[in-house]
Amino acid sequence: MGTAHHFLAAQINNSKDSWTLQENKQRPQSGVPPVHNLFAGLPAELPQEWCQDLLQTGHFRLERIVSAGQASPEGFWYDQPAHEWVALLSGGAGLKFADRPEVVVLKPGDHLFIPAGCRHRLGMDRGG
């Protein structure tokens, strides 16, 4: 596998709810939850973007996204009903928004808030 690009994405709705930790659905008998690593447990091949829910409630979802250079298909736009917060942990990426001509380039450590209904797509995915 080439350079992987790691993202965290959180989708937020306005409500309180119980939560589910996707990697730890059953708490160990010791009562101490296990530690997980965001860069471990990846598929050997990534022919398409790979996503994994890490934490989920009825109104909040934290998702790990790993890409190996993929971009959204030409003409495809995400138009999500929930707000989204995205953080780039490694690699590089470019986001295109329907209402602006320039590509928003992300580097490790960058994060942004995407309001619900804001049409966007992964315009480019870069290593480094």
N, C-alpha and C. Protein backbone atom coordinates (compact mmCIF):
# COMPACT_ATOMS: atom_id res chain seq x y z
N MET A 1 0.85 -1.18 0.00
CA MET A 1 0.00 0.00 0.00
C MET A 1 0.88 1.23 0.00
N GLY A 2 0.54 2.25 -0.81
CA GLY A 2 1.29 3.50 -0.85
C GLY A 2 0.99 4.34 0.37
N THR A 3 1.26 5.63 0.25
CA THR A 3 1.01 6.55 1.34
C THR A 3 -0.48 6.60 1.66
N ALA A 4 -0.81 6.43 2.92
CA ALA A 4 -2.21 6.51 3.34
C ALA A 4 -2.48 7.91 3.88
N HIS A 5 -3.67 8.38 3.67
CA HIS A 5 -4.09 9.69 4.14
C HIS A 5 -5.18 9.45 5.18
N HIS A 6 -4.97 9.89 6.39
CA HIS A 6 -5.87 9.59 7.50
C HIS A 6 -6.68 10.82 7.87
N PHE A 7 -7.99 10.62 8.00
CA PHE A 7 -8.90 11.69 8.40
C PHE A 7 -9.73 11.22 9.59
N LEU A 8 -10.21 12.18 10.36
CA LEU A 8 -11.29 11.95 11.31
C LEU A 8 -12.43 12.83 10.85
N ALA A 9 -13.63 12.33 10.88
CA ALA A 9 -14.79 13.13 10.52
C ALA A 9 -15.87 12.91 11.55
N ALA A 10 -16.47 13.99 12.02
CA ALA A 10 -17.55 13.91 12.99
C ALA A 10 -18.78 14.54 12.38
N GLN A 11 -19.91 13.87 12.48
CA GLN A 11 -21.18 14.41 12.03
C GLN A 11 -22.03 14.67 13.25
N ILE A 12 -22.62 15.86 13.32
CA ILE A 12 -23.28 16.31 14.53
C ILE A 12 -24.72 16.72 14.25
N ASN A 13 -25.65 16.17 15.00
CA ASN A 13 -27.04 16.61 15.00
C ASN A 13 -27.30 17.21 16.37
N ASN A 14 -28.36 17.95 16.53
CA ASN A 14 -28.64 18.64 17.79
C ASN A 14 -29.53 17.83 18.70
N SER A 15 -28.95 17.00 19.57
CA SER A 15 -29.73 16.25 20.54
C SER A 15 -28.80 15.49 21.47
N LYS A 16 -29.33 15.07 22.60
CA LYS A 16 -28.58 14.23 23.54
C LYS A 16 -29.02 12.79 23.33
N ASP A 17 -28.09 11.86 23.46
CA ASP A 17 -28.43 10.47 23.23
C ASP A 17 -27.39 9.59 23.90
N SER A 18 -27.67 8.32 24.03
CA SER A 18 -26.67 7.38 24.53
C SER A 18 -25.66 7.14 23.42
N TRP A 19 -24.50 6.58 23.75
CA TRP A 19 -23.46 6.39 22.74
C TRP A 19 -23.01 4.96 22.67
N THR A 20 -22.40 4.62 21.54
CA THR A 20 -21.83 3.30 21.29
C THR A 20 -20.42 3.48 20.77
N LEU A 21 -19.46 2.87 21.41
CA LEU A 21 -18.09 2.86 20.92
C LEU A 21 -17.97 1.66 20.00
N GLN A 22 -17.78 1.90 18.72
CA GLN A 22 -17.85 0.82 17.73
C GLN A 22 -16.77 -0.24 17.91
N GLU A 23 -15.56 0.16 18.33
CA GLU A 23 -14.48 -0.82 18.49
C GLU A 23 -14.59 -1.60 19.79
N ASN A 24 -15.45 -1.17 20.69
CA ASN A 24 -15.51 -1.77 22.02
C ASN A 24 -16.96 -1.90 22.45
N LYS A 25 -17.73 -2.70 21.74
CA LYS A 25 -19.15 -2.82 22.05
C LYS A 25 -19.39 -3.49 23.40
N GLN A 26 -18.46 -4.33 23.83
CA GLN A 26 -18.59 -4.95 25.14
C GLN A 26 -17.40 -4.53 25.99
N ARG A 27 -17.69 -3.97 27.14
CA ARG A 27 -16.64 -3.52 28.04
C ARG A 27 -15.95 -4.73 28.67
N PRO A 28 -14.63 -4.72 28.75
CA PRO A 28 -13.92 -5.86 29.35
C PRO A 28 -14.30 -6.03 30.82
N GLN A 29 -14.13 -7.23 31.34
CA GLN A 29 -14.51 -7.53 32.72
C GLN A 29 -13.74 -6.67 33.71
N SER A 30 -12.52 -6.27 33.37
CA SER A 30 -11.73 -5.47 34.31
C SER A 30 -12.31 -4.07 34.49
N GLY A 31 -13.20 -3.64 33.58
CA GLY A 31 -13.78 -2.30 33.67
C GLY A 31 -12.91 -1.25 32.99
N VAL A 32 -11.72 -1.61 32.58
CA VAL A 32 -10.83 -0.66 31.92
C VAL A 32 -10.96 -0.84 30.41
N PRO A 33 -11.36 0.20 29.68
CA PRO A 33 -11.51 0.05 28.24
C PRO A 33 -10.15 -0.09 27.56
N PRO A 34 -10.07 -0.85 26.48
CA PRO A 34 -8.80 -1.01 25.78
C PRO A 34 -8.42 0.25 25.01
N VAL A 35 -7.16 0.42 24.75
CA VAL A 35 -6.65 1.53 23.95
C VAL A 35 -6.59 1.07 22.49
N HIS A 36 -7.03 1.91 21.58
CA HIS A 36 -6.99 1.62 20.16
C HIS A 36 -6.10 2.65 19.48
N ASN A 37 -5.54 2.29 18.32
CA ASN A 37 -4.66 3.18 17.58
C ASN A 37 -5.30 3.53 16.24
N LEU A 38 -5.38 4.82 15.93
CA LEU A 38 -6.01 5.27 14.69
C LEU A 38 -5.26 4.83 13.43
N PHE A 39 -3.97 4.50 13.56
CA PHE A 39 -3.17 4.13 12.41
C PHE A 39 -2.99 2.61 12.28
N ALA A 40 -3.63 1.85 13.14
CA ALA A 40 -3.52 0.38 13.12
C ALA A 40 -4.80 -0.24 12.56
N GLY A 41 -4.71 -1.51 12.17
CA GLY A 41 -5.88 -2.26 11.73
C GLY A 41 -6.41 -1.85 10.37
N LEU A 42 -5.53 -1.39 9.50
CA LEU A 42 -5.95 -0.95 8.17
C LEU A 42 -5.94 -2.10 7.17
N PRO A 43 -6.81 -2.06 6.18
CA PRO A 43 -6.76 -3.09 5.13
C PRO A 43 -5.43 -3.00 4.38
N ALA A 44 -4.94 -4.14 3.89
CA ALA A 44 -3.68 -4.17 3.14
C ALA A 44 -3.81 -3.41 1.82
N GLU A 45 -4.97 -3.49 1.19
CA GLU A 45 -5.22 -2.80 -0.08
C GLU A 45 -6.37 -1.82 0.12
N LEU A 46 -6.27 -0.68 -0.53
CA LEU A 46 -7.32 0.32 -0.46
C LEU A 46 -7.75 0.74 -1.87
N PRO A 47 -8.54 -0.11 -2.55
CA PRO A 47 -8.97 0.26 -3.89
C PRO A 47 -9.95 1.44 -3.89
N GLN A 48 -10.56 1.69 -2.73
CA GLN A 48 -11.44 2.84 -2.56
C GLN A 48 -11.27 3.36 -1.15
N GLU A 49 -11.79 4.54 -0.89
CA GLU A 49 -11.73 5.12 0.44
C GLU A 49 -12.32 4.13 1.45
N TRP A 50 -11.68 4.00 2.62
CA TRP A 50 -12.13 3.06 3.65
C TRP A 50 -12.59 3.85 4.85
N CYS A 51 -13.77 3.52 5.36
CA CYS A 51 -14.36 4.25 6.49
C CYS A 51 -14.70 3.30 7.62
N GLN A 52 -14.55 3.78 8.85
CA GLN A 52 -14.89 2.99 10.03
C GLN A 52 -15.48 3.92 11.08
N ASP A 53 -16.69 3.60 11.56
CA ASP A 53 -17.28 4.36 12.66
C ASP A 53 -16.52 4.04 13.93
N LEU A 54 -16.09 5.07 14.66
CA LEU A 54 -15.38 4.88 15.93
C LEU A 54 -16.29 5.10 17.13
N LEU A 55 -17.17 6.09 17.03
CA LEU A 55 -18.08 6.42 18.12
C LEU A 55 -19.38 6.89 17.49
N GLN A 56 -20.51 6.39 17.99
CA GLN A 56 -21.78 6.77 17.37
C GLN A 56 -22.88 6.90 18.41
N THR A 57 -23.67 7.95 18.26
CA THR A 57 -24.91 8.11 19.02
C THR A 57 -26.01 8.29 17.98
N GLY A 58 -27.21 8.54 18.42
CA GLY A 58 -28.27 8.83 17.47
C GLY A 58 -28.07 10.16 16.77
N HIS A 59 -27.18 11.00 17.32
CA HIS A 59 -27.02 12.34 16.78
C HIS A 59 -25.56 12.76 16.58
N PHE A 60 -24.65 11.83 16.73
CA PHE A 60 -23.23 12.14 16.57
C PHE A 60 -22.51 10.89 16.06
N ARG A 61 -21.63 11.08 15.11
CA ARG A 61 -20.84 9.95 14.61
C ARG A 61 -19.42 10.43 14.38
N LEU A 62 -18.45 9.69 14.93
CA LEU A 62 -17.03 9.95 14.70
C LEU A 62 -16.53 8.83 13.81
N GLU A 63 -15.96 9.19 12.67
CA GLU A 63 -15.60 8.22 11.65
C GLU A 63 -14.12 8.37 11.29
N ARG A 64 -13.45 7.24 11.13
CA ARG A 64 -12.07 7.22 10.63
C ARG A 64 -12.16 6.94 9.13
N ILE A 65 -11.49 7.78 8.34
CA ILE A 65 -11.50 7.63 6.88
C ILE A 65 -10.05 7.50 6.43
N VAL A 66 -9.75 6.48 5.64
CA VAL A 66 -8.40 6.28 5.12
C VAL A 66 -8.50 6.20 3.60
N SER A 67 -7.66 6.96 2.95
CA SER A 67 -7.66 7.03 1.50
C SER A 67 -6.26 6.74 0.98
N ALA A 68 -6.18 6.20 -0.21
CA ALA A 68 -4.88 5.94 -0.85
C ALA A 68 -4.76 6.73 -2.14
N GLY A 69 -5.34 7.92 -2.17
CA GLY A 69 -5.23 8.77 -3.34
C GLY A 69 -6.53 8.93 -4.10
N GLN A 70 -7.62 8.42 -3.59
CA GLN A 70 -8.89 8.51 -4.28
C GLN A 70 -9.43 9.94 -4.26
N ALA A 71 -10.27 10.24 -5.22
CA ALA A 71 -11.02 11.50 -5.27
C ALA A 71 -12.47 11.14 -5.55
N SER A 72 -13.37 12.06 -5.25
CA SER A 72 -14.79 11.83 -5.55
C SER A 72 -14.95 11.70 -7.07
N PRO A 73 -15.87 10.85 -7.52
CA PRO A 73 -16.10 10.73 -8.96
C PRO A 73 -16.51 12.08 -9.56
N GLU A 74 -16.11 12.31 -10.80
CA GLU A 74 -16.46 13.55 -11.49
C GLU A 74 -17.96 13.76 -11.46
N GLY A 75 -18.39 14.95 -11.07
CA GLY A 75 -19.81 15.28 -11.03
C GLY A 75 -20.50 14.89 -9.73
N PHE A 76 -19.84 14.12 -8.85
CA PHE A 76 -20.45 13.69 -7.58
C PHE A 76 -20.19 14.75 -6.51
N TRP A 77 -21.20 15.07 -5.72
CA TRP A 77 -21.06 16.01 -4.60
C TRP A 77 -21.68 15.39 -3.35
N TYR A 78 -20.99 15.49 -2.23
CA TYR A 78 -21.60 15.16 -0.94
C TYR A 78 -22.54 16.31 -0.61
N ASP A 79 -23.75 15.99 -0.20
CA ASP A 79 -24.73 16.99 0.22
C ASP A 79 -25.44 16.37 1.42
N GLN A 80 -24.79 16.49 2.57
CA GLN A 80 -25.21 15.74 3.75
C GLN A 80 -26.18 16.52 4.63
N PRO A 81 -27.13 15.83 5.27
CA PRO A 81 -28.10 16.50 6.13
C PRO A 81 -27.55 16.89 7.50
N ALA A 82 -26.36 16.40 7.85
CA ALA A 82 -25.75 16.70 9.15
C ALA A 82 -24.51 17.57 8.96
N HIS A 83 -24.20 18.38 9.98
CA HIS A 83 -22.95 19.13 9.98
C HIS A 83 -21.80 18.12 10.03
N GLU A 84 -20.64 18.53 9.52
CA GLU A 84 -19.48 17.64 9.53
C GLU A 84 -18.24 18.43 9.93
N TRP A 85 -17.43 17.84 10.79
CA TRP A 85 -16.13 18.39 11.16
C TRP A 85 -15.10 17.39 10.67
N VAL A 86 -14.11 17.86 9.92
CA VAL A 86 -13.10 17.00 9.34
C VAL A 86 -11.72 17.46 9.80
N ALA A 87 -10.89 16.50 10.22
CA ALA A 87 -9.50 16.78 10.58
C ALA A 87 -8.60 15.85 9.77
N LEU A 88 -7.54 16.40 9.18
CA LEU A 88 -6.58 15.59 8.45
C LEU A 88 -5.43 15.24 9.39
N LEU A 89 -5.21 13.95 9.59
CA LEU A 89 -4.16 13.50 10.52
C LEU A 89 -2.84 13.25 9.81
N SER A 90 -2.88 12.73 8.57
CA SER A 90 -1.66 12.48 7.82
C SER A 90 -1.97 12.57 6.33
N GLY A 91 -0.94 12.73 5.53
CA GLY A 91 -1.12 12.84 4.10
C GLY A 91 -1.52 14.24 3.72
N GLY A 92 -2.30 14.38 2.68
CA GLY A 92 -2.75 15.68 2.20
C GLY A 92 -4.03 15.49 1.41
N ALA A 93 -4.83 16.53 1.32
CA ALA A 93 -6.09 16.42 0.60
C ALA A 93 -6.53 17.80 0.12
N GLY A 94 -7.38 17.78 -0.88
CA GLY A 94 -7.99 19.00 -1.37
C GLY A 94 -9.49 18.82 -1.45
N LEU A 95 -10.22 19.75 -0.89
CA LEU A 95 -11.68 19.71 -0.94
C LEU A 95 -12.18 20.78 -1.90
N LYS A 96 -13.15 20.41 -2.71
CA LYS A 96 -13.83 21.37 -3.58
C LYS A 96 -15.22 21.60 -3.01
N PHE A 97 -15.66 22.85 -3.06
CA PHE A 97 -17.00 23.22 -2.61
C PHE A 97 -17.75 23.78 -3.81
N ALA A 98 -19.04 23.47 -3.91
CA ALA A 98 -19.84 23.85 -5.07
C ALA A 98 -19.91 25.37 -5.23
N ASP A 99 -19.82 26.11 -4.15
CA ASP A 99 -19.99 27.56 -4.22
C ASP A 99 -18.68 28.35 -4.28
N ARG A 100 -17.54 27.68 -4.49
CA ARG A 100 -16.27 28.40 -4.62
C ARG A 100 -15.38 27.69 -5.63
N PRO A 101 -14.68 28.44 -6.46
CA PRO A 101 -13.89 27.83 -7.53
C PRO A 101 -12.58 27.20 -7.06
N GLU A 102 -11.98 27.73 -6.00
CA GLU A 102 -10.67 27.23 -5.57
C GLU A 102 -10.79 25.95 -4.74
N VAL A 103 -9.71 25.17 -4.77
CA VAL A 103 -9.62 23.95 -3.97
C VAL A 103 -9.07 24.34 -2.59
N VAL A 104 -9.69 23.85 -1.54
CA VAL A 104 -9.19 24.06 -0.18
C VAL A 104 -8.20 22.94 0.10
N VAL A 105 -6.93 23.28 0.22
CA VAL A 105 -5.88 22.29 0.43
C VAL A 105 -5.67 22.08 1.92
N LEU A 106 -5.70 20.81 2.34
CA LEU A 106 -5.49 20.45 3.74
C LEU A 106 -4.15 19.76 3.90
N LYS A 107 -3.47 20.08 5.00
CA LYS A 107 -2.22 19.40 5.36
C LYS A 107 -2.40 18.83 6.76
N PRO A 108 -1.52 17.93 7.19
CA PRO A 108 -1.69 17.30 8.51
C PRO A 108 -1.89 18.35 9.62
N GLY A 109 -2.90 18.11 10.43
CA GLY A 109 -3.24 19.00 11.52
C GLY A 109 -4.35 19.98 11.18
N ASP A 110 -4.65 20.17 9.90
CA ASP A 110 -5.73 21.08 9.50
C ASP A 110 -7.08 20.44 9.80
N HIS A 111 -8.06 21.29 10.14
CA HIS A 111 -9.43 20.82 10.33
C HIS A 111 -10.38 21.92 9.90
N LEU A 112 -11.61 21.52 9.54
CA LEU A 112 -12.61 22.49 9.14
C LEU A 112 -14.00 21.96 9.45
N PHE A 113 -14.93 22.90 9.56
CA PHE A 113 -16.34 22.60 9.81
C PHE A 113 -17.10 22.79 8.50
N ILE A 114 -17.89 21.78 8.11
CA ILE A 114 -18.69 21.84 6.89
C ILE A 114 -20.16 21.83 7.32
N PRO A 115 -20.87 22.93 7.13
CA PRO A 115 -22.28 22.97 7.55
C PRO A 115 -23.14 21.99 6.76
N ALA A 116 -24.21 21.54 7.37
CA ALA A 116 -25.17 20.65 6.68
C ALA A 116 -25.62 21.31 5.40
N GLY A 117 -25.73 20.51 4.33
CA GLY A 117 -26.21 21.02 3.06
C GLY A 117 -25.15 21.72 2.21
N CYS A 118 -23.94 21.83 2.70
CA CYS A 118 -22.85 22.46 1.94
C CYS A 118 -22.26 21.41 0.99
N ARG A 119 -22.52 21.57 -0.31
CA ARG A 119 -22.08 20.58 -1.29
C ARG A 119 -20.56 20.63 -1.41
N HIS A 120 -19.93 19.44 -1.27
CA HIS A 120 -18.47 19.36 -1.33
C HIS A 120 -18.04 18.00 -1.88
N ARG A 121 -16.80 17.94 -2.29
CA ARG A 121 -16.23 16.68 -2.82
C ARG A 121 -14.74 16.67 -2.56
N LEU A 122 -14.19 15.48 -2.53
CA LEU A 122 -12.73 15.32 -2.40
C LEU A 122 -12.17 15.56 -3.79
N GLY A 123 -11.53 16.71 -3.97
CA GLY A 123 -11.06 17.10 -5.29
C GLY A 123 -9.72 16.50 -5.64
N MET A 124 -8.89 16.30 -4.65
CA MET A 124 -7.59 15.68 -4.88
C MET A 124 -7.13 15.12 -3.56
N ASP A 125 -6.28 14.17 -3.60
CA ASP A 125 -5.74 13.54 -2.40
C ASP A 125 -4.26 13.42 -2.63
N ARG A 126 -3.46 14.06 -1.78
CA ARG A 126 -2.02 14.15 -2.03
C ARG A 126 -1.26 13.59 -0.85
N GLY A 127 -0.13 12.99 -1.13
CA GLY A 127 0.77 12.53 -0.07
C GLY A 127 1.54 13.71 0.49
N GLY A 128 2.17 13.49 1.65
CA GLY A 128 3.05 14.51 2.20
C GLY A 128 2.52 15.30 3.29
